[in-house]
C-alpha atoms as a PDB file:
ATOM      1  CA  ALA A   1       0.000   0.000   0.000  1.00  0.00           C
ATOM      2  CA  SER A   2       1.065   3.601  -0.447  1.00  0.00           C
ATOM      3  CA  SER A   3      -0.095   6.955   0.841  1.00  0.00           C
ATOM      4  CA  GLY A   4      -2.715   8.975  -0.982  1.00  0.00           C
ATOM      5  CA  MET A   5      -0.186  11.655  -1.939  1.00  0.00           C
ATOM      6  CA  HIS A   6       0.374  11.027  -5.625  1.00  0.00           C
ATOM      7  CA  ASP A   7      -0.248  14.202  -7.610  1.00  0.00           C
ATOM      8  CA  THR A   8       2.348  16.353  -9.288  1.00  0.00           C
ATOM      9  CA  SER A   9       2.346  18.825  -6.374  1.00  0.00           C
ATOM     10  CA  ALA A  10       3.856  16.281  -3.965  1.00  0.00           C
ATOM     11  CA  PRO A  11       7.609  16.200  -4.716  1.00  0.00           C
ATOM     12  CA  PRO A  12       8.490  14.367  -1.442  1.00  0.00           C
ATOM     13  CA  PHE A  13       6.077  11.546  -2.301  1.00  0.00           C
ATOM     14  CA  ASN A  14       7.365  11.442  -5.877  1.00  0.00           C
ATOM     15  CA  LEU A  15      10.965  11.325  -4.628  1.00  0.00           C
ATOM     16  CA  ASP A  16      10.380   8.312  -2.404  1.00  0.00           C
ATOM     17  CA  ASN A  17       7.988   6.414  -4.673  1.00  0.00           C
ATOM     18  CA  ARG A  18       8.926   6.948  -8.318  1.00  0.00           C
ATOM     19  CA  GLY A  19       9.132   3.699 -10.239  1.00  0.00           C
ATOM     20  CA  LYS A  20       7.237   1.696  -7.608  1.00  0.00           C
ATOM     21  CA  ARG A  21       4.006  -0.224  -8.018  1.00  0.00           C
ATOM     22  CA  SER A  22       1.042   0.435  -5.723  1.00  0.00           C
ATOM     23  CA  VAL A  23      -1.344  -2.268  -4.497  1.00  0.00           C
ATOM     24  CA  VAL A  24      -4.298  -1.543  -2.206  1.00  0.00           C
ATOM     25  CA  VAL A  25      -5.397  -4.418   0.035  1.00  0.00           C
ATOM     26  CA  ASP A  26      -7.593  -4.291   3.150  1.00  0.00           C
ATOM     27  CA  LEU A  27      -5.447  -6.078   5.711  1.00  0.00           C
ATOM     28  CA  GLN A  28      -8.240  -5.862   8.292  1.00  0.00           C
ATOM     29  CA  THR A  29      -9.952  -8.758   6.475  1.00  0.00           C
ATOM     30  CA  GLU A  30      -9.075 -12.425   6.341  1.00  0.00           C
ATOM     31  CA  ARG A  31      -9.131 -12.441   2.549  1.00  0.00           C
ATOM     32  CA  GLY A  32      -6.835  -9.413   2.495  1.00  0.00           C
ATOM     33  CA  ILE A  33      -4.315 -11.195   4.697  1.00  0.00           C
ATOM     34  CA  ASP A  34      -4.522 -14.213   2.385  1.00  0.00           C
ATOM     35  CA  ILE A  35      -3.567 -11.938  -0.529  1.00  0.00           C
ATOM     36  CA  ALA A  36      -0.619 -10.545   1.430  1.00  0.00           C
ATOM     37  CA  MET A  37       0.588 -14.045   2.258  1.00  0.00           C
ATOM     38  CA  ARG A  38       0.388 -15.155  -1.377  1.00  0.00           C
ATOM     39  CA  LEU A  39       2.444 -12.129  -2.428  1.00  0.00           C
ATOM     40  CA  LEU A  40       4.976 -12.755   0.330  1.00  0.00           C
ATOM     41  CA  GLU A  41       5.376 -16.403  -0.685  1.00  0.00           C
ATOM     42  CA  GLN A  42       6.930 -15.133  -3.951  1.00  0.00           C
ATOM     43  CA  ALA A  43       8.910 -12.255  -2.440  1.00  0.00           C
ATOM     44  CA  ASP A  44      12.599 -11.897  -1.662  1.00  0.00           C
ATOM     45  CA  VAL A  45      12.191  -9.028   0.797  1.00  0.00           C
ATOM     46  CA  PHE A  46       9.316  -7.734   2.920  1.00  0.00           C
ATOM     47  CA  VAL A  47       9.754  -4.177   4.261  1.00  0.00           C
ATOM     48  CA  THR A  48       7.361  -2.852   6.886  1.00  0.00           C
ATOM     49  CA  ASN A  49       7.205   0.175   9.151  1.00  0.00           C
ATOM     50  CA  LEU A  50       4.156  -0.951  11.128  1.00  0.00           C
ATOM     51  CA  ARG A  51       4.526  -1.120  14.897  1.00  0.00           C
ATOM     52  CA  PRO A  52       5.107  -4.575  16.434  1.00  0.00           C
ATOM     53  CA  ASP A  53       1.654  -4.816  18.017  1.00  0.00           C
ATOM     54  CA  ALA A  54      -0.018  -3.991  14.685  1.00  0.00           C
ATOM     55  CA  LEU A  55       1.997  -6.676  12.878  1.00  0.00           C
ATOM     56  CA  GLU A  56       1.043  -9.247  15.517  1.00  0.00           C
ATOM     57  CA  ARG A  57      -2.631  -8.255  15.293  1.00  0.00           C
ATOM     58  CA  LEU A  58      -2.583  -8.734  11.535  1.00  0.00           C
ATOM     59  CA  ALA A  59      -0.641 -12.008  11.744  1.00  0.00           C
ATOM     60  CA  LEU A  60       2.074 -10.363   9.641  1.00  0.00           C
ATOM     61  CA  ASP A  61       4.748 -10.710  12.322  1.00  0.00           C
ATOM     62  CA  TYR A  62       8.019 -12.432  11.465  1.00  0.00           C
ATOM     63  CA  PRO A  63       7.343 -15.867  13.060  1.00  0.00           C
ATOM     64  CA  THR A  64       4.057 -16.156  11.152  1.00  0.00           C
ATOM     65  CA  VAL A  65       5.261 -14.855   7.792  1.00  0.00           C
ATOM     66  CA  SER A  66       8.526 -16.825   7.811  1.00  0.00           C
ATOM     67  CA  LYS A  67       6.569 -20.091   8.046  1.00  0.00           C
ATOM     68  CA  HIS A  68       5.058 -19.303   4.636  1.00  0.00           C
ATOM     69  CA  ASN A  69       8.412 -18.345   3.080  1.00  0.00           C
ATOM     70  CA  PRO A  70      11.526 -19.458   4.996  1.00  0.00           C
ATOM     71  CA  ARG A  71      13.741 -17.696   2.392  1.00  0.00           C
ATOM     72  CA  LEU A  72      12.132 -14.308   2.970  1.00  0.00           C
ATOM     73  CA  ILE A  73      14.209 -11.388   4.221  1.00  0.00           C
ATOM     74  CA  TYR A  74      11.820  -9.718   6.666  1.00  0.00           C
ATOM     75  CA  ALA A  75      12.976  -6.107   7.142  1.00  0.00           C
ATOM     76  CA  THR A  76      11.303  -4.026   9.819  1.00  0.00           C
ATOM     77  CA  VAL A  77      11.876  -0.410  10.773  1.00  0.00           C
ATOM     78  CA  THR A  78      10.155   0.958  13.874  1.00  0.00           C
ATOM     79  CA  GLY A  79      10.356   4.098  15.961  1.00  0.00           C
ATOM     80  CA  TYR A  80      11.760   2.596  19.145  1.00  0.00           C
ATOM     81  CA  GLY A  81      12.492  -1.073  18.441  1.00  0.00           C
ATOM     82  CA  HIS A  82      10.684  -4.360  19.090  1.00  0.00           C
ATOM     83  CA  GLU A  83      11.435  -4.595  22.801  1.00  0.00           C
ATOM     84  CA  GLY A  84      11.039  -2.364  25.842  1.00  0.00           C
ATOM     85  CA  PRO A  85       8.239  -0.212  27.265  1.00  0.00           C
ATOM     86  CA  ASP A  86       7.944   2.010  24.163  1.00  0.00           C
ATOM     87  CA  ARG A  87       7.908  -0.773  21.557  1.00  0.00           C
ATOM     88  CA  ALA A  88       4.335   0.110  20.517  1.00  0.00           C
ATOM     89  CA  ARG A  89       4.740   3.874  20.755  1.00  0.00           C
ATOM     90  CA  ALA A  90       4.019   5.950  17.647  1.00  0.00           C
ATOM     91  CA  ALA A  91       7.049   7.759  16.266  1.00  0.00           C
ATOM     92  CA  TYR A  92       8.253  10.104  13.585  1.00  0.00           C
ATOM     93  CA  ASP A  93      11.875  10.917  12.883  1.00  0.00           C
ATOM     94  CA  VAL A  94      11.588  14.276  14.640  1.00  0.00           C
ATOM     95  CA  GLY A  95      10.669  12.346  17.792  1.00  0.00           C
ATOM     96  CA  ALA A  96      12.564   9.058  17.890  1.00  0.00           C
ATOM     97  CA  PHE A  97      15.588   9.930  15.713  1.00  0.00           C
ATOM     98  CA  TRP A  98      16.027  13.634  16.432  1.00  0.00           C
ATOM     99  CA  ALA A  99      14.621  14.514  19.851  1.00  0.00           C
ATOM    100  CA  ARG A 100      14.899  11.236  21.791  1.00  0.00           C
ATOM    101  CA  THR A 101      18.544  10.551  20.911  1.00  0.00           C
ATOM    102  CA  GLY A 102      19.869  13.958  22.000  1.00  0.00           C
ATOM    103  CA  ILE A 103      20.635  15.265  18.506  1.00  0.00           C
ATOM    104  CA  ALA A 104      18.192  18.179  18.779  1.00  0.00           C
ATOM    105  CA  GLN A 105      19.651  19.316  22.078  1.00  0.00           C
ATOM    106  CA  MET A 106      23.269  18.857  20.982  1.00  0.00           C
ATOM    107  CA  LEU A 107      22.692  21.029  17.907  1.00  0.00           C
ATOM    108  CA  SER A 108      21.243  23.851  19.962  1.00  0.00           C
ATOM    109  CA  ARG A 109      23.737  26.713  20.139  1.00  0.00           C
ATOM    110  CA  THR A 110      22.289  27.965  23.412  1.00  0.00           C
ATOM    111  CA  GLU A 111      20.648  26.541  26.497  1.00  0.00           C
ATOM    112  CA  GLY A 112      17.322  27.549  24.941  1.00  0.00           C
ATOM    113  CA  ASP A 113      15.410  26.184  21.990  1.00  0.00           C
ATOM    114  CA  PRO A 114      16.447  22.759  20.601  1.00  0.00           C
ATOM    115  CA  SER A 115      17.287  22.676  16.906  1.00  0.00           C
ATOM    116  CA  PRO A 116      14.378  21.556  14.670  1.00  0.00           C
ATOM    117  CA  CYS A 117      14.664  18.638  12.239  1.00  0.00           C
ATOM    118  CA  ARG A 118      14.381  19.112   8.485  1.00  0.00           C
ATOM    119  CA  PRO A 119      11.589  16.998   6.899  1.00  0.00           C
ATOM    120  CA  ALA A 120      12.396  13.260   6.557  1.00  0.00           C
ATOM    121  CA  PHE A 121      16.011  13.831   7.630  1.00  0.00           C
ATOM    122  CA  GLY A 122      16.014  10.857   9.991  1.00  0.00           C
ATOM    123  CA  ASP A 123      13.733   8.797   7.760  1.00  0.00           C
ATOM    124  CA  HIS A 124      16.211   8.757   4.893  1.00  0.00           C
ATOM    125  CA  VAL A 125      19.216   8.003   7.106  1.00  0.00           C
ATOM    126  CA  THR A 126      17.303   5.166   8.760  1.00  0.00           C
ATOM    127  CA  ALA A 127      16.311   3.821   5.334  1.00  0.00           C
ATOM    128  CA  LEU A 128      20.003   3.497   4.494  1.00  0.00           C
ATOM    129  CA  SER A 129      20.528   1.514   7.708  1.00  0.00           C
ATOM    130  CA  LEU A 130      17.738  -0.849   6.745  1.00  0.00           C
ATOM    131  CA  LEU A 131      19.079  -1.153   3.209  1.00  0.00           C
ATOM    132  CA  ALA A 132      22.510  -2.131   4.529  1.00  0.00           C
ATOM    133  CA  GLY A 133      20.942  -4.842   6.664  1.00  0.00           C
ATOM    134  CA  ILE A 134      18.848  -6.156   3.777  1.00  0.00           C
ATOM    135  CA  GLY A 135      21.899  -6.367   1.523  1.00  0.00           C
ATOM    136  CA  ALA A 136      23.866  -8.326   4.131  1.00  0.00           C
ATOM    137  CA  ALA A 137      20.946 -10.680   4.777  1.00  0.00           C
ATOM    138  CA  LEU A 138      20.483 -11.368   1.061  1.00  0.00           C
ATOM    139  CA  PHE A 139      24.185 -12.153   0.756  1.00  0.00           C
ATOM    140  CA  GLU A 140      23.965 -14.579   3.675  1.00  0.00           C
ATOM    141  CA  ARG A 141      20.910 -16.214   2.114  1.00  0.00           C
ATOM    142  CA  GLU A 142      22.945 -16.912  -1.011  1.00  0.00           C
ATOM    143  CA  ARG A 143      25.293 -18.897   1.229  1.00  0.00           C
ATOM    144  CA  ASN A 144      22.801 -20.850   3.366  1.00  0.00           C
ATOM    145  CA  GLY A 145      19.412 -20.503   1.653  1.00  0.00           C
ATOM    146  CA  GLN A 146      17.740 -19.145   4.766  1.00  0.00           C
ATOM    147  CA  GLY A 147      15.793 -15.947   5.241  1.00  0.00           C
ATOM    148  CA  LYS A 148      16.371 -13.647   8.182  1.00  0.00           C
ATOM    149  CA  LEU A 149      14.767 -10.964  10.310  1.00  0.00           C
ATOM    150  CA  VAL A 150      16.465  -7.570   9.809  1.00  0.00           C
ATOM    151  CA  GLU A 151      15.584  -4.854  12.314  1.00  0.00           C
ATOM    152  CA  THR A 152      16.438  -1.213  12.743  1.00  0.00           C
ATOM    153  CA  SER A 153      14.685   1.768  14.297  1.00  0.00           C
ATOM    154  CA  LEU A 154      14.731   5.534  14.198  1.00  0.00           C
ATOM    155  CA  LEU A 155      16.096   5.399  17.748  1.00  0.00           C
ATOM    156  CA  ARG A 156      18.995   3.046  16.947  1.00  0.00           C
ATOM    157  CA  THR A 157      19.963   4.869  13.767  1.00  0.00           C
ATOM    158  CA  GLY A 158      19.717   8.267  15.440  1.00  0.00           C
ATOM    159  CA  ALA A 159      22.005   7.130  18.239  1.00  0.00           C
ATOM    160  CA  TYR A 160      24.484   5.734  15.711  1.00  0.00           C
ATOM    161  CA  THR A 161      24.380   8.981  13.717  1.00  0.00           C
ATOM    162  CA  ALA A 162      25.282  10.842  16.918  1.00  0.00           C
ATOM    163  CA  GLY A 163      27.789   8.108  17.741  1.00  0.00           C
ATOM    164  CA  TRP A 164      30.923  10.243  18.153  1.00  0.00           C
ATOM    165  CA  ASP A 165      29.279  12.397  20.783  1.00  0.00           C
ATOM    166  CA  LEU A 166      27.520   9.520  22.519  1.00  0.00           C
ATOM    167  CA  ALA A 167      30.632   7.330  22.588  1.00  0.00           C
ATOM    168  CA  THR A 168      32.640  10.192  24.089  1.00  0.00           C
ATOM    169  CA  TYR A 169      29.959  10.808  26.697  1.00  0.00           C
ATOM    170  CA  LEU A 170      29.693   7.115  27.593  1.00  0.00           C
ATOM    171  CA  GLU A 171      33.441   6.743  28.141  1.00  0.00           C
ATOM    172  CA  LEU A 172      34.458  10.180  29.401  1.00  0.00           C
ATOM    173  CA  GLY A 173      31.248  11.761  30.658  1.00  0.00           C
ATOM    174  CA  TRP A 174      31.376  14.837  28.414  1.00  0.00           C
ATOM    175  CA  TYR A 175      30.871  15.957  24.842  1.00  0.00           C
ATOM    176  CA  THR A 176      31.702  19.058  22.828  1.00  0.00           C
ATOM    177  CA  LYS A 177      28.822  21.506  22.916  1.00  0.00           C
ATOM    178  CA  MET A 178      27.864  23.666  19.982  1.00  0.00           C
ATOM    179  CA  MET A 179      29.445  27.113  19.911  1.00  0.00           C
ATOM    180  CA  SER A 180      28.744  30.239  17.960  1.00  0.00           C
ATOM    181  CA  ARG A 181      31.108  30.619  15.010  1.00  0.00           C
ATOM    182  CA  ASP A 182      32.754  33.756  16.408  1.00  0.00           C
ATOM    183  CA  ARG A 183      34.310  31.776  19.266  1.00  0.00           C
ATOM    184  CA  TYR A 184      34.530  28.290  17.788  1.00  0.00           C
ATOM    185  CA  VAL A 185      37.641  26.619  19.224  1.00  0.00           C
ATOM    186  CA  VAL A 186      38.929  25.279  15.896  1.00  0.00           C
ATOM    187  CA  PRO A 187      39.222  28.432  13.756  1.00  0.00           C
ATOM    188  CA  LEU A 188      40.724  26.499  10.835  1.00  0.00           C
ATOM    189  CA  VAL A 189      37.564  24.367  10.627  1.00  0.00           C
ATOM    190  CA  ASN A 190      35.012  27.136  10.745  1.00  0.00           C
ATOM    191  CA  CYS A 191      32.658  29.049   8.453  1.00  0.00           C
ATOM    192  CA  TYR A 192      33.450  32.547   7.187  1.00  0.00           C
ATOM    193  CA  LYS A 193      31.669  35.159   5.098  1.00  0.00           C
ATOM    194  CA  ALA A 194      33.394  36.559   2.036  1.00  0.00           C
ATOM    195  CA  GLY A 195      33.125  40.169   0.939  1.00  0.00           C
ATOM    196  CA  ASP A 196      30.275  39.383  -1.468  1.00  0.00           C
ATOM    197  CA  GLY A 197      28.145  38.013   1.364  1.00  0.00           C
ATOM    198  CA  GLN A 198      28.652  34.360   0.412  1.00  0.00           C
ATOM    199  CA  TRP A 199      29.758  31.869   3.050  1.00  0.00           C
ATOM    200  CA  PHE A 200      32.389  29.127   2.902  1.00  0.00           C
ATOM    201  CA  TRP A 201      33.813  26.570   5.288  1.00  0.00           C
ATOM    202  CA  LEU A 202      37.508  26.142   5.919  1.00  0.00           C
ATOM    203  CA  LEU A 203      38.560  22.489   6.271  1.00  0.00           C
ATOM    204  CA  GLY A 204      42.020  22.939   7.766  1.00  0.00           C
ATOM    205  CA  LEU A 205      41.889  19.672   9.656  1.00  0.00           C
ATOM    206  CA  GLU A 206      45.649  19.067   9.437  1.00  0.00           C
ATOM    207  CA  ALA A 207      46.421  22.139  11.526  1.00  0.00           C
ATOM    208  CA  ASP A 208      50.214  22.270  11.354  1.00  0.00           C
ATOM    209  CA  ARG A 209      50.161  21.712   7.597  1.00  0.00           C
ATOM    210  CA  HIS A 210      47.302  24.089   6.813  1.00  0.00           C
ATOM    211  CA  TRP A 211      48.079  26.946   9.206  1.00  0.00           C
ATOM    212  CA  PRO A 212      51.068  28.327   7.213  1.00  0.00           C
ATOM    213  CA  LYS A 213      49.088  27.997   3.973  1.00  0.00           C
ATOM    214  CA  LEU A 214      46.212  29.996   5.396  1.00  0.00           C
ATOM    215  CA  LEU A 215      48.552  32.734   6.554  1.00  0.00           C
ATOM    216  CA  ARG A 216      50.083  33.030   3.077  1.00  0.00           C
ATOM    217  CA  ILE A 217      46.628  33.251   1.536  1.00  0.00           C
ATOM    218  CA  VAL A 218      45.418  36.033   3.846  1.00  0.00           C
ATOM    219  CA  GLU A 219      48.862  37.691   3.734  1.00  0.00           C
ATOM    220  CA  HIS A 220      49.452  37.567   7.480  1.00  0.00           C
ATOM    221  CA  GLU A 221      52.540  35.377   7.641  1.00  0.00           C
ATOM    222  CA  GLU A 222      53.751  37.264  10.711  1.00  0.00           C
ATOM    223  CA  LEU A 223      51.058  35.472  12.749  1.00  0.00           C
ATOM    224  CA  GLU A 224      52.861  32.147  12.344  1.00  0.00           C
ATOM    225  CA  HIS A 225      55.162  33.119  15.208  1.00  0.00           C
ATOM    226  CA  ASP A 226      52.614  35.080  17.209  1.00  0.00           C
ATOM    227  CA  PRO A 227      52.675  33.455  20.676  1.00  0.00           C
ATOM    228  CA  ARG A 228      48.862  33.464  20.727  1.00  0.00           C
ATOM    229  CA  PHE A 229      48.565  31.339  17.590  1.00  0.00           C
ATOM    230  CA  GLU A 230      51.769  29.296  17.256  1.00  0.00           C
ATOM    231  CA  THR A 231      50.138  26.035  18.381  1.00  0.00           C
ATOM    232  CA  SER A 232      46.747  24.404  17.923  1.00  0.00           C
ATOM    233  CA  SER A 233      46.056  24.772  21.636  1.00  0.00           C
ATOM    234  CA  GLY A 234      46.995  28.439  21.444  1.00  0.00           C
ATOM    235  CA  ARG A 235      44.678  29.001  18.508  1.00  0.00           C
ATOM    236  CA  ALA A 236      41.882  27.276  20.419  1.00  0.00           C
ATOM    237  CA  LYS A 237      42.487  29.361  23.536  1.00  0.00           C
ATOM    238  CA  ASN A 238      42.582  32.573  21.514  1.00  0.00           C
ATOM    239  CA  ALA A 239      39.999  31.539  18.929  1.00  0.00           C
ATOM    240  CA  ALA A 240      37.832  34.644  19.229  1.00  0.00           C
ATOM    241  CA  GLU A 241      40.792  36.928  18.457  1.00  0.00           C
ATOM    242  CA  LEU A 242      41.918  34.847  15.488  1.00  0.00           C
ATOM    243  CA  ILE A 243      38.412  34.570  14.034  1.00  0.00           C
ATOM    244  CA  LYS A 244      38.049  38.352  14.261  1.00  0.00           C
ATOM    245  CA  ILE A 245      41.302  38.782  12.295  1.00  0.00           C
ATOM    246  CA  LEU A 246      40.202  36.269   9.652  1.00  0.00           C
ATOM    247  CA  ASP A 247      36.729  37.810   9.380  1.00  0.00           C
ATOM    248  CA  ALA A 248      38.295  41.174   8.570  1.00  0.00           C
ATOM    249  CA  GLU A 249      40.524  39.660   5.890  1.00  0.00           C
ATOM    250  CA  PHE A 250      37.873  37.481   4.267  1.00  0.00           C
ATOM    251  CA  ALA A 251      35.598  40.519   3.945  1.00  0.00           C
ATOM    252  CA  LYS A 252      38.078  42.021   1.449  1.00  0.00           C
ATOM    253  CA  ARG A 253      37.378  39.599  -1.454  1.00  0.00           C
ATOM    254  CA  GLY A 254      34.507  37.579  -2.879  1.00  0.00           C
ATOM    255  CA  ARG A 255      34.117  33.857  -2.315  1.00  0.00           C
ATOM    256  CA  GLU A 256      35.166  32.877  -5.833  1.00  0.00           C
ATOM    257  CA  GLU A 257      38.450  34.736  -5.482  1.00  0.00           C
ATOM    258  CA  TRP A 258      39.102  33.202  -2.087  1.00  0.00           C
ATOM    259  CA  GLY A 259      38.358  29.780  -3.554  1.00  0.00           C
ATOM    260  CA  GLU A 260      40.971  30.304  -6.252  1.00  0.00           C
ATOM    261  CA  ARG A 261      43.515  31.263  -3.598  1.00  0.00           C
ATOM    262  CA  PHE A 262      42.632  28.259  -1.435  1.00  0.00           C
ATOM    263  CA  ASN A 263      42.935  25.901  -4.402  1.00  0.00           C
ATOM    264  CA  ALA A 264      46.300  27.370  -5.422  1.00  0.00           C
ATOM    265  CA  GLU A 265      47.682  26.550  -1.958  1.00  0.00           C
ATOM    266  CA  ASP A 266      45.781  23.242  -1.665  1.00  0.00           C
ATOM    267  CA  LEU A 267      43.998  24.515   1.412  1.00  0.00           C
ATOM    268  CA  TRP A 268      40.825  22.488   1.790  1.00  0.00           C
ATOM    269  CA  TRP A 269      37.495  24.305   1.830  1.00  0.00           C
ATOM    270  CA  SER A 270      33.883  24.126   0.690  1.00  0.00           C
ATOM    271  CA  PRO A 271      31.317  26.703  -0.345  1.00  0.00           C
ATOM    272  CA  VAL A 272      28.228  26.897   1.861  1.00  0.00           C
ATOM    273  CA  GLN A 273      25.663  26.572  -0.888  1.00  0.00           C
ATOM    274  CA  THR A 274      21.984  27.404  -1.086  1.00  0.00           C
ATOM    275  CA  LEU A 275      19.502  24.926  -2.543  1.00  0.00           C
ATOM    276  CA  GLU A 276      19.575  26.999  -5.718  1.00  0.00           C
ATOM    277  CA  GLU A 277      23.354  26.637  -5.911  1.00  0.00           C
ATOM    278  CA  ILE A 278      23.563  22.885  -5.257  1.00  0.00           C
ATOM    279  CA  THR A 279      20.894  22.185  -7.881  1.00  0.00           C
ATOM    280  CA  ALA A 280      23.031  24.085 -10.414  1.00  0.00           C
ATOM    281  CA  ASP A 281      26.359  22.665  -9.208  1.00  0.00           C
ATOM    282  CA  PRO A 282      28.301  21.091 -12.142  1.00  0.00           C
ATOM    283  CA  GLN A 283      29.971  18.625  -9.759  1.00  0.00           C
ATOM    284  CA  ALA A 284      26.574  17.379  -8.612  1.00  0.00           C
ATOM    285  CA  ALA A 285      25.388  17.116 -12.224  1.00  0.00           C
ATOM    286  CA  ALA A 286      28.499  15.206 -13.315  1.00  0.00           C
ATOM    287  CA  ASN A 287      27.976  12.624 -10.572  1.00  0.00           C
ATOM    288  CA  GLY A 288      24.280  11.952 -10.966  1.00  0.00           C
ATOM    289  CA  VAL A 289      22.998  13.713  -7.848  1.00  0.00           C
ATOM    290  CA  PHE A 290      19.794  14.628  -9.695  1.00  0.00           C
ATOM    291  CA  VAL A 291      17.551  12.695 -12.059  1.00  0.00           C
ATOM    292  CA  ASP A 292      14.705  13.541 -14.414  1.00  0.00           C
ATOM    293  CA  TYR A 293      11.626  11.398 -13.864  1.00  0.00           C
ATOM    294  CA  THR A 294       8.190  11.016 -15.431  1.00  0.00           C
ATOM    295  CA  LEU A 295       5.310  12.639 -13.601  1.00  0.00           C
ATOM    296  CA  PRO A 296       2.180  10.576 -12.904  1.00  0.00           C
ATOM    297  CA  GLY A 297      -0.556  10.549 -15.501  1.00  0.00           C
ATOM    298  CA  GLY A 298       1.777  11.516 -18.333  1.00  0.00           C
ATOM    299  CA  ALA A 299       1.964  15.094 -17.058  1.00  0.00           C
ATOM    300  CA  GLY A 300       5.480  15.599 -18.365  1.00  0.00           C
ATOM    301  CA  SER A 301       8.699  15.256 -16.403  1.00  0.00           C
ATOM    302  CA  ALA A 302      10.371  16.850 -13.410  1.00  0.00           C
ATOM    303  CA  ARG A 303      13.786  16.895 -11.805  1.00  0.00           C
ATOM    304  CA  SER A 304      14.398  15.308  -8.436  1.00  0.00           C
ATOM    305  CA  VAL A 305      17.097  13.836  -6.228  1.00  0.00           C
ATOM    306  CA  ALA A 306      18.666  10.547  -7.284  1.00  0.00           C
ATOM    307  CA  GLY A 307      19.417   7.665  -4.971  1.00  0.00           C
ATOM    308  CA  PRO A 308      22.897   7.865  -3.417  1.00  0.00           C
ATOM    309  CA  VAL A 309      24.355   4.662  -4.917  1.00  0.00           C
ATOM    310  CA  ASP A 310      25.226   3.658  -8.486  1.00  0.00           C
ATOM    311  CA  PHE A 311      25.830   0.132  -9.747  1.00  0.00           C
ATOM    312  CA  GLY A 312      28.285   0.166 -12.594  1.00  0.00           C
ATOM    313  CA  GLY A 313      26.698   1.929 -15.533  1.00  0.00           C
ATOM    314  CA  ALA A 314      23.163   1.849 -14.093  1.00  0.00           C
ATOM    315  CA  LYS A 315      22.862   5.373 -12.746  1.00  0.00           C
ATOM    316  CA  ASN A 316      20.300   7.333 -10.808  1.00  0.00           C
ATOM    317  CA  GLY A 317      17.814   4.585  -9.980  1.00  0.00           C
ATOM    318  CA  PRO A 318      14.165   4.587 -11.072  1.00  0.00           C
ATOM    319  CA  SER A 319      13.009   7.359 -13.371  1.00  0.00           C
ATOM    320  CA  GLY A 320       9.496   6.081 -13.959  1.00  0.00           C
ATOM    321  CA  PRO A 321       6.454   7.854 -12.547  1.00  0.00           C
ATOM    322  CA  PRO A 322       5.346   7.426  -8.939  1.00  0.00           C
ATOM    323  CA  PRO A 323       2.200   5.303  -8.732  1.00  0.00           C
ATOM    324  CA  THR A 324      -1.319   6.432  -8.080  1.00  0.00           C
ATOM    325  CA  LEU A 325      -3.008   4.649  -5.197  1.00  0.00           C
ATOM    326  CA  GLY A 326      -3.860   1.088  -6.233  1.00  0.00           C
ATOM    327  CA  GLU A 327      -2.673   1.650  -9.797  1.00  0.00           C
ATOM    328  CA  HIS A 328      -1.058  -1.790 -10.033  1.00  0.00           C
ATOM    329  CA  THR A 329      -3.379  -3.891  -7.873  1.00  0.00           C
ATOM    330  CA  ASP A 330      -4.728  -5.993 -10.726  1.00  0.00           C
ATOM    331  CA  GLU A 331      -1.351  -6.356 -12.419  1.00  0.00           C
ATOM    332  CA  VAL A 332       0.376  -7.594  -9.255  1.00  0.00           C
ATOM    333  CA  LEU A 333      -2.437  -9.925  -8.227  1.00  0.00           C
ATOM    334  CA  LYS A 334      -2.329 -11.583 -11.633  1.00  0.00           C
ATOM    335  CA  THR A 335       1.370 -12.353 -11.118  1.00  0.00           C
ATOM    336  CA  ALA A 336       0.349 -14.052  -7.861  1.00  0.00           C
ATOM    337  CA  GLY A 337      -2.080 -16.318  -9.723  1.00  0.00           C
ATOM    338  CA  TYR A 338      -5.408 -14.515  -9.319  1.00  0.00           C
ATOM    339  CA  ASP A 339      -7.656 -14.555 -12.392  1.00  0.00           C
ATOM    340  CA  GLU A 340     -10.008 -11.827 -13.599  1.00  0.00           C
ATOM    341  CA  SER A 341     -13.110 -13.263 -11.909  1.00  0.00           C
ATOM    342  CA  GLU A 342     -11.328 -13.546  -8.535  1.00  0.00           C
ATOM    343  CA  ILE A 343     -10.040  -9.986  -8.834  1.00  0.00           C
ATOM    344  CA  ASP A 344     -13.537  -8.705  -9.703  1.00  0.00           C
ATOM    345  CA  ASP A 345     -14.998 -10.535  -6.704  1.00  0.00           C
ATOM    346  CA  LEU A 346     -12.331  -9.109  -4.364  1.00  0.00           C
ATOM    347  CA  ARG A 347     -13.050  -5.593  -5.614  1.00  0.00           C
ATOM    348  CA  ARG A 348     -16.841  -5.984  -5.288  1.00  0.00           C
ATOM    349  CA  ASN A 349     -16.347  -7.010  -1.664  1.00  0.00           C
ATOM    350  CA  GLY A 350     -14.022  -4.095  -0.896  1.00  0.00           C
ATOM    351  CA  ILE A 351     -10.964  -6.292  -0.255  1.00  0.00           C
ATOM    352  CA  ILE A 352      -8.823  -4.535  -2.878  1.00  0.00           C
ATOM    353  CA  GLY A 353      -8.728  -1.064  -4.371  1.00  0.00           C
END
């Protein structure tokens, strides 16, 4: 089944569903469950984001389904996992991935408002976790012929995404809090505004190597032996002073000119781009970051974001239209062995859509 969002004004739905087929089945009925089981008997992978109690109620839980198809990879993503007091709790990524794991609070620059989550941010990261598990389980099945339960959750993936901070806290009892850019303790890995108002990020991670290069670029080589800035610890201690010096220098030229100077010295950096800029970025275009796809109903085509992985020469993933709700019900049921009269009867009784 798929959500009812399927028109051309729903780019997020189109992004996540282009090239898929949509089948509508009423799983609250015995005949609907029978259809699901017949489809699953032929499937390699079953992906579900229903909560554990709902799956058990529907008899679509792993122990039940695996009896019908022992080779099936049963992949489940939940908000909080299959165990514990919150196993049946409703969740979205802003709750389980973002807020519950500490990410929202860690990204707050003050003791005040937590940082909000961009739409589907945690959903897409968690999908990659599930995909990794599915790939490993399929590989194992090629070895032993057996299916497997693959589980992840927004909570688990969120904690892993914040793993550096959480691991540090678990072992040492502290983590690095967010700071405003004007007093960030690593001035060589900080964002700066060029004279044309455009921002960039310095990536001077190898401090001793990059510090002299930066000084040549901004024409302040005398600072190399300034006792405040000679060492990384000194630059951290006196970060606010150094950032103020760099801000004044970077305001003298536009970002493109600074980029040319950085590249000439092999000082690592990145532009801080707007959505308009990344969608026009030639590097993104050359590497298949975006894909043109067919809109539903033959309404032309649109540009969207490609999947993040290529396989040899097969680039960008599906470019077909996203489905309308129930568009492929008959087609899919026929592949499962249902004939026209059975399909008509199921539709008359409201079992399929």
